[in-house]
Protein backbone atom coordinates (compact mmCIF):
# COMPACT_ATOMS: atom_id res chain seq x y z
CA MET A 1 120.70 159.41 94.01
CA LEU A 2 123.82 157.84 96.49
CA GLU A 3 124.81 160.31 98.48
CA ASP A 4 128.44 161.50 98.38
CA HIS A 5 130.27 160.87 101.25
CA ILE A 6 133.96 160.46 99.50
CA SER A 7 134.26 163.72 97.46
CA SER A 8 135.73 165.56 100.47
CA LYS A 9 138.00 162.40 101.66
CA LYS A 10 140.59 163.31 98.38
CA SER A 11 142.01 165.71 100.67
CA LEU A 12 143.45 162.41 102.56
CA PHE A 13 145.28 161.26 99.80
CA SER A 14 148.86 160.29 99.67
CA THR A 15 150.73 162.53 97.61
CA GLY A 16 152.11 161.18 94.16
CA VAL A 17 150.29 158.02 95.25
CA HIS A 18 147.75 156.82 92.45
CA THR A 19 144.44 155.99 94.82
CA GLU A 20 141.15 155.28 94.39
CA LEU A 21 138.09 155.63 96.50
CA ARG A 22 134.93 154.28 95.39
CA GLU A 23 131.14 154.53 96.99
CA GLN A 24 128.88 151.87 95.55
CA ASN A 25 125.07 151.23 95.47
CA SER A 26 124.14 147.75 93.80
CA ARG A 27 120.26 146.61 93.44
CA SER A 28 118.50 143.50 91.86
CA ARG A 29 114.90 143.42 91.33
CA ARG A 30 113.18 140.23 89.89
CA VAL A 31 110.14 138.33 89.53
CA SER A 32 109.73 135.23 88.11
CA LEU A 33 106.46 132.92 86.79
CA ILE A 34 106.11 129.36 86.09
CA GLN A 35 102.88 128.18 84.70
CA GLY A 36 101.54 131.28 85.98
CA ASN A 37 102.49 130.49 89.42
CA PRO A 38 105.04 133.18 91.07
CA THR A 39 107.99 131.33 92.06
CA GLY A 40 110.72 134.02 92.51
CA ASN A 41 109.76 137.30 93.89
CA MET A 42 113.40 139.41 95.05
CA ARG A 43 114.65 142.66 95.48
CA THR A 44 117.97 142.91 96.88
CA GLU A 45 120.14 145.74 97.53
CA GLN A 46 124.04 146.48 98.98
CA SER A 47 126.24 149.34 98.95
CA GLY A 48 129.31 150.37 100.97
CA ILE A 49 133.06 151.79 100.16
CA CYS A 50 136.15 150.92 99.08
CA ALA A 51 139.51 152.29 98.95
CA ARG A 52 142.73 150.59 96.68
CA VAL A 53 146.60 152.33 96.90
CA TYR A 54 148.63 151.27 94.40
CA GLN A 55 152.61 150.96 95.83
CA ASN A 56 155.13 149.85 93.69
CA GLY A 57 153.68 147.76 91.82
CA VAL A 58 151.47 146.44 94.51
CA TYR A 59 147.83 147.45 95.60
CA GLY A 60 146.16 147.72 99.03
CA PHE A 61 142.42 147.41 99.21
CA SER A 62 139.56 147.24 101.40
CA SER A 63 136.18 147.79 101.86
CA ILE A 64 133.26 148.07 104.23
CA ALA A 65 129.49 147.93 103.59
CA GLU A 66 128.45 151.44 105.26
CA CYS A 67 128.40 154.62 102.92
CA SER A 68 129.63 157.47 105.39
CA GLY A 69 132.36 159.51 105.86
CA GLN A 70 133.64 157.71 108.63
CA ALA A 71 133.82 154.48 106.36
CA ALA A 72 135.64 156.33 103.61
CA GLU A 73 138.10 157.27 106.29
CA THR A 74 138.59 153.86 107.67
CA VAL A 75 139.03 152.27 104.12
CA LEU A 76 141.44 154.63 102.97
CA LYS A 77 143.74 154.39 106.11
CA ALA A 78 143.59 150.16 105.64
CA ALA A 79 144.25 150.30 102.05
CA THR A 80 147.24 152.32 102.43
CA GLU A 81 148.39 150.38 105.64
CA ASN A 82 147.80 147.25 103.13
CA ALA A 83 149.94 148.87 100.02
CA LEU A 84 152.41 149.74 102.17
CA PHE A 85 152.45 146.19 103.89
CA MET A 86 152.50 144.32 100.72
CA ASP A 87 155.35 146.37 99.40
CA ARG A 88 157.19 145.83 101.76
CA HIS A 89 157.06 141.56 102.05
CA VAL A 90 156.29 141.57 98.33
CA GLY A 91 159.40 143.60 96.66
CA ARG A 92 158.32 144.57 93.02
CA GLY A 93 159.79 147.81 93.08
CA LYS A 94 158.03 149.11 89.62
CA GLY A 95 157.31 152.56 90.94
CA PRO A 96 153.99 154.56 89.87
CA LEU A 97 151.88 154.52 87.27
CA PRO A 98 151.93 156.58 84.48
CA VAL A 99 149.51 159.94 85.94
CA ILE A 100 146.57 160.31 83.61
CA SER A 101 145.23 164.08 83.69
CA GLY A 102 141.98 164.46 85.76
CA GLY A 103 138.68 165.97 85.60
CA ALA A 104 135.13 165.26 86.58
CA LEU A 105 132.45 163.38 84.26
CA PRO A 106 128.90 164.73 84.79
CA ALA A 107 126.36 163.06 86.75
CA GLY A 108 124.55 160.22 85.09
CA SER A 109 120.75 160.48 85.63
CA GLU A 110 118.60 159.32 88.54
CA ILE A 111 117.70 155.55 88.84
CA ALA A 112 114.01 155.26 89.00
CA ASP A 113 113.12 152.73 91.17
CA ALA A 114 109.40 150.82 90.65
CA ASP A 115 107.20 148.70 93.02
CA GLN A 116 107.85 144.95 92.69
CA LYS A 117 103.75 145.16 91.75
CA ARG A 118 104.87 146.41 88.79
CA TYR A 119 107.13 143.89 87.59
CA ILE A 120 104.49 141.18 89.03
CA ASP A 121 101.56 142.56 87.16
CA PHE A 122 103.73 143.13 84.03
CA ALA A 123 104.91 139.53 84.07
CA ARG A 124 101.11 138.15 84.88
CA GLU A 125 100.06 139.85 81.71
CA LEU A 126 102.32 138.51 79.37
CA ASP A 127 101.79 135.09 80.63
CA ALA A 128 97.90 135.42 80.18
CA TYR A 129 98.71 136.26 76.55
CA ILE A 130 101.07 133.01 76.34
CA VAL A 131 97.79 130.91 77.88
CA GLU A 132 95.42 132.31 75.62
CA LYS A 133 97.09 132.25 72.64
CA TYR A 134 99.38 129.18 72.73
CA PRO A 135 97.28 126.82 75.11
CA GLY A 136 99.18 123.69 73.71
CA LEU A 137 102.52 124.38 74.94
CA SER A 138 103.69 121.74 77.55
CA SER A 139 105.23 124.63 80.11
CA ARG A 140 106.08 128.47 79.97
CA SER A 141 108.31 130.68 82.34
CA VAL A 142 108.35 134.68 81.85
CA ILE A 143 110.75 136.50 84.25
CA ALA A 144 110.60 140.41 84.78
CA MET A 145 114.14 141.97 86.20
CA GLU A 146 116.31 145.34 86.67
CA ASP A 147 119.39 145.51 88.13
CA SER A 148 121.96 148.42 88.34
CA MET A 149 125.09 149.72 89.52
CA GLU A 150 125.42 153.30 90.98
CA LYS A 151 128.98 154.66 91.60
CA ILE A 152 131.13 157.41 92.76
CA ILE A 153 134.80 157.72 91.88
CA CYS A 154 137.37 159.49 93.19
CA THR A 155 140.93 158.92 91.97
CA SER A 156 144.44 160.81 93.07
CA ASP A 157 144.85 160.86 88.99
CA GLY A 158 142.39 160.30 86.46
CA TYR A 159 138.40 161.40 86.14
CA ASP A 160 136.10 161.61 89.30
CA GLY A 161 132.58 160.52 87.84
CA HIS A 162 128.90 159.76 89.41
CA ILE A 163 127.89 156.71 87.14
CA CYS A 164 124.59 155.26 86.79
CA ALA A 165 124.27 151.85 84.52
CA PRO A 166 120.90 150.63 85.17
CA ARG A 167 119.16 147.74 82.78
CA SER A 168 116.27 145.85 82.84
CA TYR A 169 114.48 142.88 80.89
CA ILE A 170 111.78 140.34 80.17
CA TYR A 171 113.11 136.63 79.61
CA VAL A 172 110.06 134.54 78.04
CA PHE A 173 110.70 130.59 77.97
CA LEU A 174 108.48 128.30 75.64
CA ASN A 175 108.60 124.75 76.09
CA THR A 176 106.77 121.74 73.91
CA GLU A 177 107.67 118.46 72.67
CA THR A 178 108.67 117.21 69.13
CA THR A 179 106.68 114.89 67.19
CA SER A 180 108.85 112.01 68.53
CA GLY A 181 108.06 113.08 72.02
CA THR A 182 111.68 115.17 73.04
CA PRO A 183 111.37 118.65 75.30
CA ILE A 184 112.39 121.44 73.08
CA GLU A 185 113.03 124.74 74.58
CA LEU A 186 113.19 128.35 73.36
CA PHE A 187 113.92 131.78 75.39
CA HIS A 188 114.04 135.23 74.29
CA PRO A 189 114.83 138.35 75.93
CA MET A 190 113.56 141.64 75.55
CA GLY A 191 114.61 145.09 77.33
CA GLY A 192 117.95 146.93 77.43
CA PHE A 193 119.53 149.95 78.81
CA GLY A 194 117.56 151.54 81.36
CA VAL A 195 114.96 150.91 84.44
CA PHE A 196 111.98 148.92 84.28
CA GLY A 197 109.60 152.21 83.53
CA ASP A 198 111.88 153.23 80.66
CA ASN A 199 111.38 150.06 78.77
CA PHE A 200 108.56 148.58 79.60
CA THR A 201 105.53 150.59 78.92
CA ASP A 202 102.72 148.34 77.69
CA PRO A 203 102.97 144.61 77.35
CA ALA A 204 100.85 144.67 74.16
CA LEU A 205 104.43 146.26 72.84
CA LEU A 206 105.82 142.93 73.53
CA TYR A 207 103.10 140.62 71.49
CA PRO A 208 104.91 140.24 68.31
CA GLU A 209 108.00 139.20 69.68
CA ILE A 210 106.61 136.58 71.54
CA ASP A 211 104.89 135.39 68.69
CA ALA A 212 107.97 135.12 66.45
CA LEU A 213 109.65 132.73 69.73
CA TYR A 214 106.33 130.58 69.13
CA GLU A 215 106.51 130.23 65.40
CA ARG A 216 110.47 129.25 65.62
CA LEU A 217 109.67 126.92 68.35
CA MET A 218 106.93 125.48 66.16
CA GLN A 219 109.31 125.10 63.47
CA LYS A 220 111.93 123.62 65.99
CA ARG A 221 109.05 121.17 66.67
CA GLU A 222 109.77 119.44 63.35
CA GLY A 223 113.18 119.69 63.42
CA VAL A 224 115.84 117.60 62.43
CA TYR A 225 119.60 117.09 63.47
CA ALA A 226 122.31 118.39 61.93
CA GLU A 227 124.84 116.32 59.98
CA ALA A 228 127.92 116.08 62.08
CA GLY A 229 130.63 117.75 60.55
CA TYR A 230 133.19 120.13 58.99
CA LYS A 231 130.79 122.72 57.47
CA THR A 232 130.11 125.97 55.79
CA VAL A 233 128.02 127.87 57.70
CA VAL A 234 126.13 131.40 58.24
CA LEU A 235 126.56 132.66 61.86
CA GLY A 236 123.77 135.33 63.04
CA GLY A 237 124.48 138.27 64.80
CA MET A 238 124.05 136.75 68.33
CA MET A 239 125.97 134.04 67.36
CA SER A 240 128.75 136.33 66.31
CA GLY A 241 128.33 138.58 69.16
CA MET A 242 129.04 135.11 71.26
CA LEU A 243 132.33 134.60 69.10
CA ALA A 244 133.49 138.16 69.95
CA HIS A 245 133.10 138.02 73.35
CA GLU A 246 134.13 134.21 74.31
CA ALA A 247 136.43 133.06 71.89
CA VAL A 248 138.05 136.22 71.00
CA GLY A 249 137.46 138.82 73.74
CA HIS A 250 138.87 136.65 76.79
CA THR A 251 142.01 135.93 74.91
CA VAL A 252 142.95 139.51 74.52
CA GLU A 253 142.42 140.82 78.24
CA ALA A 254 145.82 141.47 79.11
CA ASP A 255 145.15 139.78 82.63
CA LEU A 256 144.87 136.74 80.62
CA VAL A 257 147.13 137.47 77.53
CA LEU A 258 150.42 138.18 80.94
CA GLY A 259 148.79 134.53 82.02
CA GLY A 260 149.38 132.69 78.73
CA SER A 261 146.61 132.98 76.48
CA VAL A 262 147.03 132.88 72.68
CA ALA A 263 146.71 136.41 71.94
CA GLY A 264 150.03 136.96 73.37
CA PRO A 265 152.30 135.38 70.87
CA ALA A 266 149.44 136.80 67.95
CA LEU A 267 150.14 140.59 68.59
CA ASN A 268 150.56 142.68 65.48
CA LYS A 269 149.80 138.96 63.38
CA GLN A 270 146.83 137.91 60.95
CA VAL A 271 144.04 136.40 63.36
CA GLY A 272 141.33 136.32 60.75
CA SER A 273 140.32 137.44 57.12
CA GLN A 274 140.65 140.98 56.03
CA LEU A 275 136.94 141.28 56.42
CA VAL A 276 136.96 140.74 60.15
CA ASN A 277 137.34 143.48 62.31
CA LEU A 278 136.65 143.61 66.37
CA VAL A 279 136.55 146.54 68.64
CA ASP A 280 135.13 146.94 72.08
CA PHE A 281 133.19 150.00 71.96
CA ALA A 282 133.07 152.22 75.00
CA HIS A 283 129.83 154.04 75.30
CA THR A 284 128.89 154.76 71.48
CA ALA A 285 128.72 152.95 68.14
CA PHE A 286 128.11 153.61 64.91
CA GLY A 287 126.36 157.16 65.89
CA LYS A 288 124.19 155.50 68.76
CA PRO A 289 124.59 154.46 72.31
CA ALA A 290 126.06 151.25 72.72
CA PRO A 291 123.96 148.75 74.39
CA LEU A 292 125.70 149.00 77.61
CA PRO A 293 127.47 152.62 77.87
CA VAL A 294 130.62 152.85 79.56
CA TYR A 295 131.92 156.24 80.33
CA LEU A 296 134.27 155.70 83.21
CA ASP A 297 136.03 152.73 84.52
CA ASP A 298 136.89 152.11 88.21
CA GLU A 299 140.26 153.17 87.97
CA GLY A 300 138.81 156.65 86.93
CA THR A 301 140.06 156.38 83.18
CA PRO A 302 137.83 157.95 80.76
CA ALA A 303 136.16 154.93 78.86
CA GLU A 304 137.67 154.77 74.91
CA ASP A 305 136.77 152.35 72.05
CA ALA A 306 139.36 149.43 71.88
CA VAL A 307 140.99 148.25 68.73
CA LEU A 308 141.17 144.84 68.89
CA ILE A 309 141.04 142.86 65.56
CA LYS A 310 141.54 145.43 62.56
CA ASP A 311 141.36 143.93 58.56
CA GLY A 312 142.09 141.01 60.18
CA ILE A 313 145.20 141.94 62.34
CA LEU A 314 145.18 141.24 65.99
CA THR A 315 146.22 144.89 67.17
CA GLY A 316 145.66 145.52 70.86
CA TYR A 317 144.21 144.32 74.27
CA MET A 318 141.94 145.03 76.61
CA ASN A 319 144.11 146.85 79.56
CA ASN A 320 143.45 148.66 83.09
CA ARG A 321 146.23 151.06 83.84
CA GLU A 322 148.97 148.70 85.16
CA SER A 323 149.05 146.37 82.19
CA ALA A 324 148.71 149.72 79.79
CA GLN A 325 152.09 150.50 81.26
CA HIS A 326 153.52 146.90 80.67
CA PHE A 327 152.60 146.79 77.58
CA GLY A 328 153.38 150.17 75.97
CA MET A 329 149.58 150.75 75.33
CA LYS A 330 147.19 153.37 76.52
CA PRO A 331 144.54 152.50 79.34
CA GLN A 332 140.82 152.61 77.56
CA GLY A 333 138.41 152.22 80.54
CA ASN A 334 138.36 148.44 80.99
CA ALA A 335 138.51 147.85 84.30
CA ARG A 336 135.39 146.86 86.54
CA ALA A 337 134.63 145.84 89.69
CA TRP A 338 130.96 144.29 89.98
CA SER A 339 130.33 145.37 93.94
CA PHE A 340 131.82 147.95 96.20
CA SER A 341 133.47 144.77 97.66
CA ASP A 342 135.52 144.15 94.94
CA GLU A 343 138.32 145.09 92.82
CA PRO A 344 138.65 146.34 89.20
CA LEU A 345 139.39 143.29 86.90
CA ILE A 346 139.94 143.99 83.00
CA ARG A 347 136.42 143.19 81.71
CA MET A 348 134.83 143.73 78.21
CA ARG A 349 132.12 146.78 77.89
CA ASN A 350 129.99 146.25 74.43
CA THR A 351 132.39 143.52 72.28
CA ALA A 352 131.63 143.45 68.08
CA VAL A 353 132.59 142.52 65.61
CA LEU A 354 131.74 144.77 62.60
CA PRO A 355 129.27 144.68 59.77
CA GLY A 356 130.66 144.05 56.22
CA LYS A 357 129.00 144.79 52.88
CA ASP A 358 127.65 141.75 52.28
CA LYS A 359 123.36 141.09 52.27
CA LEU A 360 122.27 138.09 54.48
CA GLU A 361 119.90 136.72 51.84
CA ASP A 362 122.90 136.42 49.26
CA MET A 363 125.15 135.00 52.10
CA ILE A 364 122.63 132.20 52.50
CA ALA A 365 121.98 131.92 48.54
CA SER A 366 125.48 131.46 48.05
CA VAL A 367 125.61 128.03 50.69
CA ASP A 368 125.11 124.82 48.67
CA ASP A 369 125.12 122.21 51.69
CA GLY A 370 125.38 124.00 55.36
CA TYR A 371 123.61 125.45 58.14
CA TYR A 372 122.14 129.01 59.17
CA LEU A 373 122.77 129.08 63.10
CA VAL A 374 120.71 131.90 64.63
CA THR A 375 120.60 131.76 68.20
CA SER A 376 122.57 130.25 71.33
CA ASN A 377 121.80 128.82 74.79
CA ASN A 378 125.29 128.60 76.12
CA GLY A 379 129.13 128.79 75.30
CA GLN A 380 132.75 128.50 76.58
CA ALA A 381 136.10 128.73 75.66
CA ASP A 382 139.31 129.11 77.05
CA THR A 383 142.37 131.06 76.60
CA THR A 384 143.44 129.17 74.00
CA GLY A 385 140.64 130.56 71.86
CA GLU A 386 138.98 126.96 71.45
CA PHE A 387 135.28 127.53 72.29
CA MET A 388 132.09 125.38 71.98
CA PHE A 389 129.12 126.97 71.72
CA GLY A 390 125.21 125.39 71.85
CA VAL A 391 123.13 126.31 69.09
CA CYS A 392 119.55 126.39 70.00
CA THR A 393 117.95 128.06 66.75
CA GLY A 394 119.20 126.88 63.53
CA TYR A 395 118.23 125.96 59.78
CA GLU A 396 119.56 123.83 57.20
CA ILE A 397 120.75 125.46 53.66
CA LYS A 398 120.19 123.58 50.58
CA LYS A 399 120.98 124.77 47.44
CA GLY A 400 120.97 128.44 48.65
CA LYS A 401 117.25 128.38 50.74
CA LEU A 402 116.81 127.68 54.09
CA GLY A 403 114.93 124.20 54.80
CA ARG A 404 114.43 122.54 58.19
CA ALA A 405 114.66 123.59 61.62
CA LEU A 406 117.89 122.09 63.46
CA LEU A 407 117.48 120.42 66.81
CA ASP A 408 119.55 121.48 69.55
CA THR A 409 123.27 120.96 68.27
CA THR A 410 126.74 122.73 69.11
CA ILE A 411 129.81 124.13 67.05
CA SER A 412 133.48 123.56 68.05
CA GLY A 413 136.94 125.40 67.19
CA VAL A 414 139.61 127.77 67.62
CA ALA A 415 138.67 131.07 67.09
CA PHE A 416 141.67 132.22 65.43
CA ASN A 417 141.73 129.74 62.72
CA MET A 418 138.02 130.06 62.47
CA LEU A 419 137.96 133.47 61.85
CA LYS A 420 140.53 132.97 58.89
CA THR A 421 137.77 131.09 57.01
CA VAL A 422 135.60 134.08 57.17
CA ASP A 423 134.75 135.36 53.35
CA MET A 424 131.18 137.07 53.68
CA VAL A 425 130.11 139.21 56.28
CA SER A 426 126.68 140.96 56.52
CA ASP A 427 125.86 145.08 56.38
CA THR A 428 123.60 145.02 59.33
CA LEU A 429 124.60 144.25 63.33
CA GLU A 430 122.55 142.52 65.92
CA TRP A 431 123.47 143.31 69.63
CA THR A 432 122.81 141.16 72.67
CA SER A 433 122.98 142.62 76.16
CA SER A 434 121.07 140.62 78.71
CA GLY A 435 123.77 138.26 80.06
CA PHE A 436 126.67 138.61 82.55
CA CYS A 437 130.20 137.66 81.86
CA GLY A 438 131.49 135.32 85.09
CA LYS A 439 135.30 136.02 84.91
CA LYS A 440 135.42 135.65 88.62
CA GLN A 441 132.97 138.67 89.22
CA PRO A 442 129.51 138.37 87.10
CA MET A 443 129.59 141.65 85.28
CA PRO A 444 126.86 143.26 82.32
CA VAL A 445 128.12 143.34 79.20
CA GLY A 446 127.23 143.87 75.62
CA MET A 447 128.48 141.79 72.53
CA GLY A 448 127.30 141.67 69.13
CA GLY A 449 128.14 141.33 65.05
CA PRO A 450 126.94 140.67 61.95
CA ALA A 451 126.29 137.37 59.94
CA LEU A 452 129.29 135.55 59.27
CA ARG A 453 130.08 133.11 56.41
CA CYS A 454 133.06 130.63 57.33
CA LYS A 455 133.61 127.13 58.26
CA VAL A 456 132.71 125.44 61.80
CA MET A 457 132.90 121.87 62.71
CA ILE A 458 129.08 121.01 63.85
CA GLY A 459 127.59 118.48 65.71
CA GLY A 460 125.37 115.48 65.28
CA ARG A 461 123.06 113.78 66.91
């Protein structure tokens, strides 16, 4: 567990000045096999201390790649000097941030490391299973990984805490060709919050998920191209989760709102049908731990759920302390930094469309001519809410029944327009948390949603 070198330095904080001191250790372990051959075997670790000081609307920041009491004093002095320098030259004159009553959160569980051999052996056993059972594949890849962030956070006001955030995953990629010779690929992530030993004990437990991935690949092998146009579709939970994060979530991050996002003039207005509700969950969702729980952000703000859309109305933004003051909102713990050398940015945590009351089978049965779109391999959106997502798993819907699998296609639209077409929402929610959000710094995030019946523009051949 990370040794505390900073708590004793709070006595050096300037009176009445918001100050943050953070000590952090970040780890990554990764093993990659392609065709059974090792192509990656990586263990990285970095640690250090940073300080940030707020002065009349500007921040002074400093970091050092060393964990010691002397390092803490060095960055604290430098950050204070930088804040004073910036205040003299920028002169925003905003005054202090609102004070948050402080306390301390209980320390998180200790991160248990695993030998690199464990990752290698686990990946090899999965690869051997694929080779034996599915020898006709054109190629295959297996990746085993774990990453973690462990932080000690001390603030002049707000909460202090020692937090640990590990996650671990297995990624399986299977490749073949269509009957016409076109290469196709599907992948599937398995895992979640926790160290590798928590999530992966026996490779055989993952065999059913690999079998299901192979079955979808064989269906896609006989797949057809979608008919291009504005279509009624049922978006699976993974697709609605991507929509929640990429096309809506980023537009309601307060720093992007201040930069001119579409959510600025849309506050307290209808941005979706009355069936649409969107929440950025902190650490608990529907009575269970969220995929990647966040209890405390890097400004010392205790994490709470941020309700973003309620009954189709845009009700709020995700904030840090400064933007919350600007908009007259409550900060809810969305300021997060990737590395000890990074300043906190406004980031999502576990962003999801809330489930409704409809059954997925009824939603499919209600579509006469459309598509059921299940998984995506990429996506992008901008601050106008305009989005384009790749679809790697999907099926025709003909007269209320699932038909042939689809070859790769895309969907596109404008989020707040598309959400107004949602007329059915399933009663089950699907989470995914295996990727990174790339907003200036990488950041692990969770996203999820139910199935949504809506209208989108779908690409063809």
